[in-house]
């Protein structure tokens, strides 16, 4: 059964933080289960989040909650295994609203690291606001 792959040992990185204010808008707020906090990117062409897992995983679902008006119209999920190149796993197309959205990932390869590319922001300046991000799947044996 699929469960959350994000744990205390999962390392995350983001493309940017609004005004470099990590205390108010940092990446940790995507994973804190608090609907009052969020990661807010700075402006720019393409924003991204990377997740490095403590062991190899197989992703089955991605869940993301944007702030309406600051979502991504086109997203790309990429992954790699042990120092390989990133390969495209899936493209998905979120709606521009405040709802928690789920995207099933079909036949994903085993990976150590994921990169979620937020392309084509609904915001004129390219900012992305994410209140919640979760990756479901199984640990590879």
Protein backbone atom coordinates (compact mmCIF):
# COMPACT_ATOMS: atom_id res chain seq x y z
CA UNK A 1 0.00 0.00 0.00
CA UNK A 2 1.26 3.48 -0.87
CA UNK A 3 2.26 5.79 1.96
CA UNK A 4 4.04 9.13 2.26
CA UNK A 5 7.68 8.89 1.22
CA UNK A 6 8.63 12.19 2.84
CA UNK A 7 10.28 11.71 6.22
CA UNK A 8 12.66 13.60 8.51
CA UNK A 9 15.63 12.23 6.52
CA UNK A 10 14.28 13.43 3.15
CA UNK A 11 16.38 16.36 1.94
CA UNK A 12 14.61 19.10 0.01
CA UNK A 13 15.80 22.06 -2.05
CA UNK A 14 13.88 24.78 -3.85
CA UNK A 15 14.69 27.11 -6.72
CA UNK A 16 14.06 30.28 -4.70
CA UNK A 17 12.27 31.81 -1.70
CA UNK A 18 10.41 35.13 -1.86
CA UNK A 19 12.82 37.90 -0.81
CA UNK A 20 15.05 35.13 0.64
CA UNK A 21 12.75 35.18 3.68
CA UNK A 22 13.08 31.51 4.68
CA UNK A 23 11.66 32.16 8.16
CA UNK A 24 8.32 33.18 6.68
CA UNK A 25 8.22 31.42 3.28
CA UNK A 26 10.79 28.59 3.44
CA UNK A 27 10.58 25.12 1.93
CA UNK A 28 9.85 23.42 5.27
CA UNK A 29 6.35 24.88 5.23
CA UNK A 30 5.29 22.58 2.37
CA UNK A 31 5.70 19.62 4.73
CA UNK A 32 4.50 20.94 8.12
CA UNK A 33 0.79 19.98 7.74
CA UNK A 34 -0.21 23.54 8.66
CA UNK A 35 -2.67 25.18 6.29
CA UNK A 36 -1.54 28.64 7.42
CA UNK A 37 2.04 28.28 6.15
CA UNK A 38 3.50 27.87 2.66
CA UNK A 39 6.57 27.93 0.45
CA UNK A 40 6.51 31.07 -1.66
CA UNK A 41 8.99 31.22 -4.53
CA UNK A 42 10.54 34.40 -5.80
CA UNK A 43 9.72 35.52 -9.32
CA UNK A 44 11.30 33.70 -12.22
CA UNK A 45 10.81 31.63 -15.33
CA UNK A 46 10.68 28.09 -13.92
CA UNK A 47 10.52 27.18 -10.24
CA UNK A 48 11.34 23.73 -8.86
CA UNK A 49 11.54 21.49 -5.78
CA UNK A 50 13.93 18.55 -5.39
CA UNK A 51 13.48 15.74 -2.89
CA UNK A 52 16.30 13.34 -2.06
CA UNK A 53 15.15 10.24 -0.22
CA UNK A 54 17.23 8.21 2.28
CA UNK A 55 16.63 5.11 0.13
CA UNK A 56 15.36 4.28 -3.35
CA UNK A 57 11.60 4.70 -3.85
CA UNK A 58 8.89 4.07 -6.43
CA UNK A 59 6.42 6.95 -6.66
CA UNK A 60 2.73 6.23 -7.24
CA UNK A 61 1.08 9.57 -6.50
CA UNK A 62 1.91 13.25 -6.07
CA UNK A 63 -0.28 15.58 -3.98
CA UNK A 64 0.06 19.35 -4.13
CA UNK A 65 -1.93 22.32 -2.87
CA UNK A 66 -1.24 25.69 -4.47
CA UNK A 67 -2.62 29.11 -3.69
CA UNK A 68 -5.02 30.03 -6.48
CA UNK A 69 -3.43 32.59 -8.80
CA UNK A 70 0.05 31.30 -7.90
CA UNK A 71 -0.14 27.77 -9.28
CA UNK A 72 1.66 26.12 -12.15
CA UNK A 73 -0.26 25.35 -15.32
CA UNK A 74 2.27 22.73 -16.41
CA UNK A 75 4.38 20.53 -14.12
CA UNK A 76 7.01 17.92 -14.85
CA UNK A 77 8.11 15.17 -12.49
CA UNK A 78 11.67 13.97 -13.07
CA UNK A 79 13.68 11.39 -11.19
CA UNK A 80 17.09 9.79 -11.06
CA UNK A 81 18.80 6.85 -9.45
CA UNK A 82 22.31 7.09 -7.98
CA UNK A 83 24.17 9.83 -9.85
CA UNK A 84 22.38 9.23 -13.14
CA UNK A 85 20.77 11.87 -15.29
CA UNK A 86 17.29 13.13 -14.56
CA UNK A 87 14.66 11.36 -16.65
CA UNK A 88 11.09 12.52 -17.18
CA UNK A 89 8.61 10.41 -15.21
CA UNK A 90 5.41 12.32 -15.91
CA UNK A 91 3.89 15.63 -16.96
CA UNK A 92 0.79 16.82 -15.12
CA UNK A 93 -1.49 19.82 -15.36
CA UNK A 94 -2.86 21.27 -12.10
CA UNK A 95 -5.92 23.46 -11.90
CA UNK A 96 -5.48 27.06 -10.73
CA UNK A 97 -7.25 26.82 -7.36
CA UNK A 98 -6.70 26.30 -3.62
CA UNK A 99 -7.70 22.60 -3.53
CA UNK A 100 -5.42 19.72 -2.64
CA UNK A 101 -4.84 18.05 -6.01
CA UNK A 102 -3.77 14.45 -6.60
CA UNK A 103 -1.86 13.14 -9.60
CA UNK A 104 -1.42 9.37 -10.05
CA UNK A 105 1.97 8.38 -11.46
CA UNK A 106 1.84 5.34 -13.73
CA UNK A 107 4.73 2.87 -13.89
CA UNK A 108 7.33 5.13 -12.27
CA UNK A 109 10.92 3.86 -12.17
CA UNK A 110 12.81 3.35 -8.92
CA UNK A 111 14.55 6.64 -8.00
CA UNK A 112 16.61 8.20 -5.21
CA UNK A 113 15.77 11.78 -6.08
CA UNK A 114 12.79 13.63 -7.55
CA UNK A 115 12.59 17.02 -9.18
CA UNK A 116 9.23 18.74 -9.60
CA UNK A 117 9.38 21.50 -12.20
CA UNK A 118 6.72 24.18 -11.94
CA UNK A 119 6.55 25.58 -15.45
CA UNK A 120 4.14 28.14 -16.85
CA UNK A 121 3.03 29.89 -13.61
CA UNK A 122 -0.46 31.41 -13.43
CA UNK A 123 1.23 34.47 -11.86
CA UNK A 124 2.50 37.12 -14.28
CA UNK A 125 5.87 37.25 -12.46
CA UNK A 126 6.31 33.47 -12.29
CA UNK A 127 5.85 33.07 -8.54
CA UNK A 128 4.60 29.75 -7.15
CA UNK A 129 2.96 29.28 -3.74
CA UNK A 130 2.65 25.74 -2.35
CA UNK A 131 0.83 25.08 0.94
CA UNK A 132 1.23 21.31 0.87
CA UNK A 133 3.33 18.80 -1.04
CA UNK A 134 3.39 15.04 -0.53
CA UNK A 135 4.77 12.12 -2.50
CA UNK A 136 3.17 8.72 -2.05
CA UNK A 137 4.63 5.39 -3.03
CA UNK A 138 6.72 2.54 -1.73
CA UNK A 139 10.30 2.06 -0.67
CA UNK A 140 12.20 -0.08 -3.12
CA UNK A 141 13.65 -3.26 -1.71
